Amino acid sequence: MTSPFIPTYGPVPPGPLAGPLQLLPVNAEVVAVHTATGAHVGSLKKVGGVWKFKAMGYGADGGMEPGHGPLTDQHNMAFAAPDAAEVSARLLGALAGESGAGS
C-alpha cells in the first residue's frame, strides 16, 4: 500500500530524491515541484512564454533558500510545458548525470 502524497515544505532529507516528481499547480504561471514523498524542491515558472525550473532549498531553520536545494544545478532548466513525466525525467536524469538531460 502506498502512502498518500502530502506536500511538505522544509529541508529535504539526505539521499536520493524519490521520483517521479509531482507537479502541483499554484496559478496559471507557477507550478510547484515536489518529490514523490512530498518534499518541495522547486517550481516551474512561466517566463517570457518558457517554463523555467526554479530550484528551492530550505535552511536548517526551515527558511526558504531560492536557487538552492538538491536540484540547484538544474536551476533555470527550460521546458516547453509543465509536463510531469518530462520534468521528472529531465531533472532527475540530470541529477543522476545522464546524457541528454540538458535544457
N, C-alpha and C. Protein backbone atom coordinates (compact mmCIF):
# COMPACT_ATOMS: atom_id res chain seq x y z
N MET A 1 0.85 -1.19 0.00
CA MET A 1 0.00 0.00 0.00
C MET A 1 0.89 1.24 0.00
N THR A 2 0.63 2.19 -0.89
CA THR A 2 1.42 3.40 -0.96
C THR A 2 0.81 4.48 -0.08
N SER A 3 1.67 5.33 0.45
CA SER A 3 1.22 6.43 1.28
C SER A 3 0.63 7.52 0.40
N PRO A 4 -0.34 8.27 0.91
CA PRO A 4 -0.87 9.38 0.11
C PRO A 4 0.20 10.47 -0.02
N PHE A 5 0.18 11.15 -1.16
CA PHE A 5 1.11 12.24 -1.42
C PHE A 5 0.69 13.44 -0.59
N ILE A 6 1.59 13.91 0.27
CA ILE A 6 1.33 15.09 1.09
C ILE A 6 2.49 16.05 0.89
N PRO A 7 2.25 17.21 0.26
CA PRO A 7 3.34 18.16 0.03
C PRO A 7 3.89 18.70 1.35
N THR A 8 5.23 18.79 1.43
CA THR A 8 5.89 19.34 2.61
C THR A 8 6.84 20.45 2.17
N TYR A 9 7.11 21.35 3.08
CA TYR A 9 7.97 22.49 2.80
C TYR A 9 8.99 22.61 3.91
N GLY A 10 10.21 22.17 3.64
CA GLY A 10 11.28 22.20 4.63
C GLY A 10 12.49 21.49 4.09
N PRO A 11 13.53 21.35 4.91
CA PRO A 11 14.75 20.69 4.45
C PRO A 11 14.46 19.30 3.88
N VAL A 12 15.12 18.97 2.77
CA VAL A 12 14.96 17.68 2.13
C VAL A 12 15.93 16.70 2.79
N PRO A 13 15.43 15.55 3.23
CA PRO A 13 16.33 14.57 3.86
C PRO A 13 17.45 14.16 2.91
N PRO A 14 18.64 13.84 3.45
CA PRO A 14 19.74 13.42 2.58
C PRO A 14 19.41 12.11 1.85
N GLY A 15 20.11 11.89 0.76
CA GLY A 15 19.89 10.67 -0.02
C GLY A 15 19.26 10.99 -1.35
N PRO A 16 19.02 9.94 -2.14
CA PRO A 16 18.44 10.15 -3.47
C PRO A 16 17.02 10.73 -3.38
N LEU A 17 16.67 11.51 -4.38
CA LEU A 17 15.32 12.07 -4.43
C LEU A 17 14.35 11.01 -4.91
N ALA A 18 13.20 10.95 -4.27
CA ALA A 18 12.18 9.98 -4.65
C ALA A 18 11.40 10.49 -5.85
N GLY A 19 11.43 9.72 -6.92
CA GLY A 19 10.69 10.06 -8.12
C GLY A 19 9.52 9.14 -8.28
N PRO A 20 8.65 9.40 -9.21
CA PRO A 20 8.70 10.56 -10.10
C PRO A 20 8.30 11.84 -9.37
N LEU A 21 8.77 12.96 -9.91
CA LEU A 21 8.42 14.25 -9.34
C LEU A 21 6.94 14.52 -9.58
N GLN A 22 6.35 15.25 -8.66
CA GLN A 22 4.93 15.60 -8.72
C GLN A 22 4.80 17.09 -8.98
N LEU A 23 3.87 17.48 -9.83
CA LEU A 23 3.62 18.89 -10.12
C LEU A 23 2.29 19.31 -9.53
N LEU A 24 2.31 20.40 -8.77
CA LEU A 24 1.09 20.93 -8.16
C LEU A 24 0.88 22.36 -8.63
N PRO A 25 -0.18 22.61 -9.42
CA PRO A 25 -0.43 23.98 -9.90
C PRO A 25 -0.64 24.96 -8.75
N VAL A 26 -0.01 26.12 -8.85
CA VAL A 26 -0.19 27.20 -7.89
C VAL A 26 -1.10 28.25 -8.51
N ASN A 27 -0.78 28.63 -9.75
CA ASN A 27 -1.61 29.54 -10.54
C ASN A 27 -1.29 29.30 -12.01
N ALA A 28 -1.76 30.16 -12.90
CA ALA A 28 -1.59 29.94 -14.34
C ALA A 28 -0.12 29.98 -14.78
N GLU A 29 0.76 30.58 -13.98
CA GLU A 29 2.15 30.72 -14.40
C GLU A 29 3.17 30.14 -13.42
N VAL A 30 2.69 29.39 -12.42
CA VAL A 30 3.58 28.77 -11.44
C VAL A 30 3.06 27.38 -11.08
N VAL A 31 4.00 26.41 -11.08
CA VAL A 31 3.67 25.03 -10.70
C VAL A 31 4.74 24.58 -9.71
N ALA A 32 4.33 24.17 -8.51
CA ALA A 32 5.28 23.67 -7.51
C ALA A 32 5.75 22.27 -7.91
N VAL A 33 7.04 21.99 -7.66
CA VAL A 33 7.63 20.69 -7.98
C VAL A 33 8.01 20.01 -6.66
N HIS A 34 7.48 18.80 -6.47
CA HIS A 34 7.71 18.03 -5.24
C HIS A 34 8.23 16.64 -5.59
N THR A 35 8.98 16.04 -4.66
CA THR A 35 9.40 14.64 -4.83
C THR A 35 8.18 13.75 -4.62
N ALA A 36 8.32 12.48 -4.94
CA ALA A 36 7.21 11.53 -4.75
C ALA A 36 6.81 11.41 -3.29
N THR A 37 7.74 11.74 -2.38
CA THR A 37 7.43 11.67 -0.95
C THR A 37 6.92 13.00 -0.41
N GLY A 38 6.79 14.01 -1.28
CA GLY A 38 6.18 15.28 -0.90
C GLY A 38 7.11 16.45 -0.70
N ALA A 39 8.43 16.24 -0.66
CA ALA A 39 9.36 17.33 -0.40
C ALA A 39 9.39 18.34 -1.55
N HIS A 40 9.26 19.61 -1.21
CA HIS A 40 9.28 20.69 -2.20
C HIS A 40 10.73 20.95 -2.63
N VAL A 41 11.00 20.83 -3.94
CA VAL A 41 12.37 21.02 -4.45
C VAL A 41 12.47 22.18 -5.44
N GLY A 42 11.34 22.83 -5.74
CA GLY A 42 11.37 23.97 -6.64
C GLY A 42 10.03 24.23 -7.28
N SER A 43 10.07 25.07 -8.31
CA SER A 43 8.86 25.44 -9.03
C SER A 43 9.18 25.60 -10.50
N LEU A 44 8.15 25.47 -11.31
CA LEU A 44 8.23 25.85 -12.72
C LEU A 44 7.53 27.19 -12.82
N LYS A 45 8.21 28.16 -13.43
CA LYS A 45 7.62 29.48 -13.61
C LYS A 45 7.64 29.81 -15.09
N LYS A 46 6.51 30.34 -15.58
CA LYS A 46 6.43 30.74 -16.97
C LYS A 46 7.03 32.13 -17.10
N VAL A 47 8.15 32.20 -17.83
CA VAL A 47 8.89 33.46 -18.01
C VAL A 47 9.04 33.69 -19.50
N GLY A 48 8.42 34.73 -20.02
CA GLY A 48 8.53 35.04 -21.45
C GLY A 48 8.06 33.90 -22.34
N GLY A 49 7.03 33.18 -21.91
CA GLY A 49 6.47 32.09 -22.70
C GLY A 49 7.20 30.76 -22.54
N VAL A 50 8.25 30.72 -21.72
CA VAL A 50 9.02 29.50 -21.49
C VAL A 50 8.89 29.12 -20.02
N TRP A 51 8.68 27.83 -19.76
CA TRP A 51 8.62 27.34 -18.39
C TRP A 51 10.05 27.08 -17.90
N LYS A 52 10.44 27.71 -16.80
CA LYS A 52 11.79 27.53 -16.26
C LYS A 52 11.70 26.95 -14.85
N PHE A 53 12.59 25.98 -14.60
CA PHE A 53 12.65 25.39 -13.27
C PHE A 53 13.42 26.32 -12.34
N LYS A 54 12.86 26.58 -11.19
CA LYS A 54 13.50 27.41 -10.18
C LYS A 54 13.72 26.54 -8.95
N ALA A 55 14.99 26.18 -8.71
CA ALA A 55 15.33 25.33 -7.57
C ALA A 55 15.01 26.02 -6.26
N MET A 56 14.66 25.22 -5.24
CA MET A 56 14.36 25.76 -3.93
C MET A 56 14.94 24.83 -2.88
N GLY A 57 15.63 25.42 -1.94
CA GLY A 57 16.14 24.68 -0.80
C GLY A 57 15.60 25.30 0.47
N TYR A 58 15.90 24.66 1.57
CA TYR A 58 15.47 25.15 2.88
C TYR A 58 16.64 25.04 3.84
N GLY A 59 16.87 26.08 4.62
CA GLY A 59 17.93 26.06 5.62
C GLY A 59 17.53 25.23 6.83
N ALA A 60 18.48 25.04 7.72
CA ALA A 60 18.23 24.26 8.93
C ALA A 60 17.10 24.87 9.77
N ASP A 61 16.93 26.18 9.65
CA ASP A 61 15.86 26.86 10.39
C ASP A 61 14.51 26.77 9.68
N GLY A 62 14.49 26.12 8.51
CA GLY A 62 13.25 25.97 7.75
C GLY A 62 12.98 27.08 6.76
N GLY A 63 13.84 28.10 6.74
CA GLY A 63 13.64 29.22 5.82
C GLY A 63 13.94 28.84 4.38
N MET A 64 13.17 29.40 3.46
CA MET A 64 13.35 29.12 2.03
C MET A 64 14.64 29.74 1.53
N GLU A 65 15.33 29.01 0.62
CA GLU A 65 16.57 29.48 0.01
C GLU A 65 16.45 29.31 -1.50
N PRO A 66 15.92 30.33 -2.21
CA PRO A 66 15.78 30.24 -3.67
C PRO A 66 17.11 29.95 -4.35
N GLY A 67 17.07 29.09 -5.37
CA GLY A 67 18.27 28.74 -6.11
C GLY A 67 19.12 27.68 -5.44
N HIS A 68 18.64 27.10 -4.36
CA HIS A 68 19.40 26.10 -3.62
C HIS A 68 18.65 24.77 -3.61
N GLY A 69 19.10 23.85 -2.79
CA GLY A 69 18.44 22.56 -2.65
C GLY A 69 19.08 21.49 -3.51
N PRO A 70 18.49 20.30 -3.52
CA PRO A 70 19.10 19.17 -4.22
C PRO A 70 19.12 19.30 -5.74
N LEU A 71 18.35 20.21 -6.31
CA LEU A 71 18.33 20.39 -7.76
C LEU A 71 18.92 21.74 -8.19
N THR A 72 19.83 22.28 -7.37
CA THR A 72 20.46 23.57 -7.66
C THR A 72 21.06 23.63 -9.06
N ASP A 73 21.75 22.58 -9.47
CA ASP A 73 22.41 22.59 -10.77
C ASP A 73 21.43 22.62 -11.94
N GLN A 74 20.17 22.35 -11.69
CA GLN A 74 19.16 22.38 -12.76
C GLN A 74 18.37 23.69 -12.75
N HIS A 75 18.75 24.63 -11.87
CA HIS A 75 18.07 25.93 -11.79
C HIS A 75 18.08 26.57 -13.18
N ASN A 76 16.94 27.03 -13.62
CA ASN A 76 16.70 27.68 -14.92
C ASN A 76 16.62 26.72 -16.10
N MET A 77 16.58 25.40 -15.86
CA MET A 77 16.36 24.46 -16.97
C MET A 77 15.01 24.79 -17.59
N ALA A 78 14.96 24.88 -18.92
CA ALA A 78 13.75 25.30 -19.63
C ALA A 78 12.94 24.10 -20.11
N PHE A 79 11.62 24.28 -20.10
CA PHE A 79 10.66 23.28 -20.56
C PHE A 79 9.62 23.96 -21.44
N ALA A 80 9.09 23.24 -22.42
CA ALA A 80 8.05 23.78 -23.29
C ALA A 80 6.71 23.85 -22.56
N ALA A 81 6.50 22.92 -21.63
CA ALA A 81 5.23 22.85 -20.89
C ALA A 81 5.48 22.16 -19.56
N PRO A 82 4.62 22.36 -18.59
CA PRO A 82 4.77 21.68 -17.31
C PRO A 82 4.25 20.24 -17.38
N ASP A 83 4.97 19.40 -18.10
CA ASP A 83 4.61 18.00 -18.27
C ASP A 83 5.34 17.19 -17.19
N ALA A 84 4.59 16.54 -16.30
CA ALA A 84 5.17 15.84 -15.15
C ALA A 84 6.20 14.79 -15.55
N ALA A 85 5.90 14.01 -16.58
CA ALA A 85 6.82 12.94 -17.00
C ALA A 85 8.13 13.53 -17.52
N GLU A 86 8.05 14.55 -18.37
CA GLU A 86 9.27 15.17 -18.91
C GLU A 86 10.06 15.88 -17.83
N VAL A 87 9.39 16.64 -16.98
CA VAL A 87 10.06 17.37 -15.91
C VAL A 87 10.80 16.38 -15.00
N SER A 88 10.13 15.33 -14.61
CA SER A 88 10.74 14.33 -13.74
C SER A 88 11.94 13.67 -14.41
N ALA A 89 11.77 13.24 -15.65
CA ALA A 89 12.85 12.56 -16.36
C ALA A 89 14.07 13.46 -16.54
N ARG A 90 13.85 14.70 -16.94
CA ARG A 90 14.98 15.60 -17.20
C ARG A 90 15.66 16.06 -15.93
N LEU A 91 14.89 16.46 -14.92
CA LEU A 91 15.50 16.94 -13.68
C LEU A 91 16.22 15.81 -12.95
N LEU A 92 15.57 14.68 -12.79
CA LEU A 92 16.20 13.57 -12.07
C LEU A 92 17.30 12.94 -12.91
N GLY A 93 17.14 12.92 -14.24
CA GLY A 93 18.19 12.41 -15.12
C GLY A 93 19.44 13.27 -15.05
N ALA A 94 19.27 14.58 -15.00
CA ALA A 94 20.41 15.49 -14.90
C ALA A 94 21.09 15.30 -13.54
N LEU A 95 20.31 15.08 -12.51
CA LEU A 95 20.87 14.85 -11.18
C LEU A 95 21.72 13.58 -11.18
N ALA A 96 21.27 12.57 -11.91
CA ALA A 96 21.99 11.30 -11.98
C ALA A 96 23.14 11.35 -12.99
N GLY A 97 23.27 12.47 -13.72
CA GLY A 97 24.36 12.62 -14.67
C GLY A 97 24.12 11.94 -16.00
N GLU A 98 22.84 11.66 -16.33
CA GLU A 98 22.53 11.02 -17.61
C GLU A 98 22.71 12.02 -18.74
N SER A 99 23.22 11.57 -19.86
CA SER A 99 23.40 12.45 -21.01
C SER A 99 22.04 12.73 -21.65
N GLY A 100 21.97 13.85 -22.32
CA GLY A 100 20.73 14.22 -23.00
C GLY A 100 19.72 14.88 -22.09
N ALA A 101 20.09 15.17 -20.87
CA ALA A 101 19.14 15.77 -19.92
C ALA A 101 19.20 17.29 -19.93
N GLY A 102 20.03 17.87 -20.75
CA GLY A 102 20.21 19.33 -20.78
C GLY A 102 18.98 20.09 -21.17
N SER A 103 19.06 21.41 -21.03
CA SER A 103 17.88 22.25 -21.29
C SER A 103 17.63 22.52 -22.74
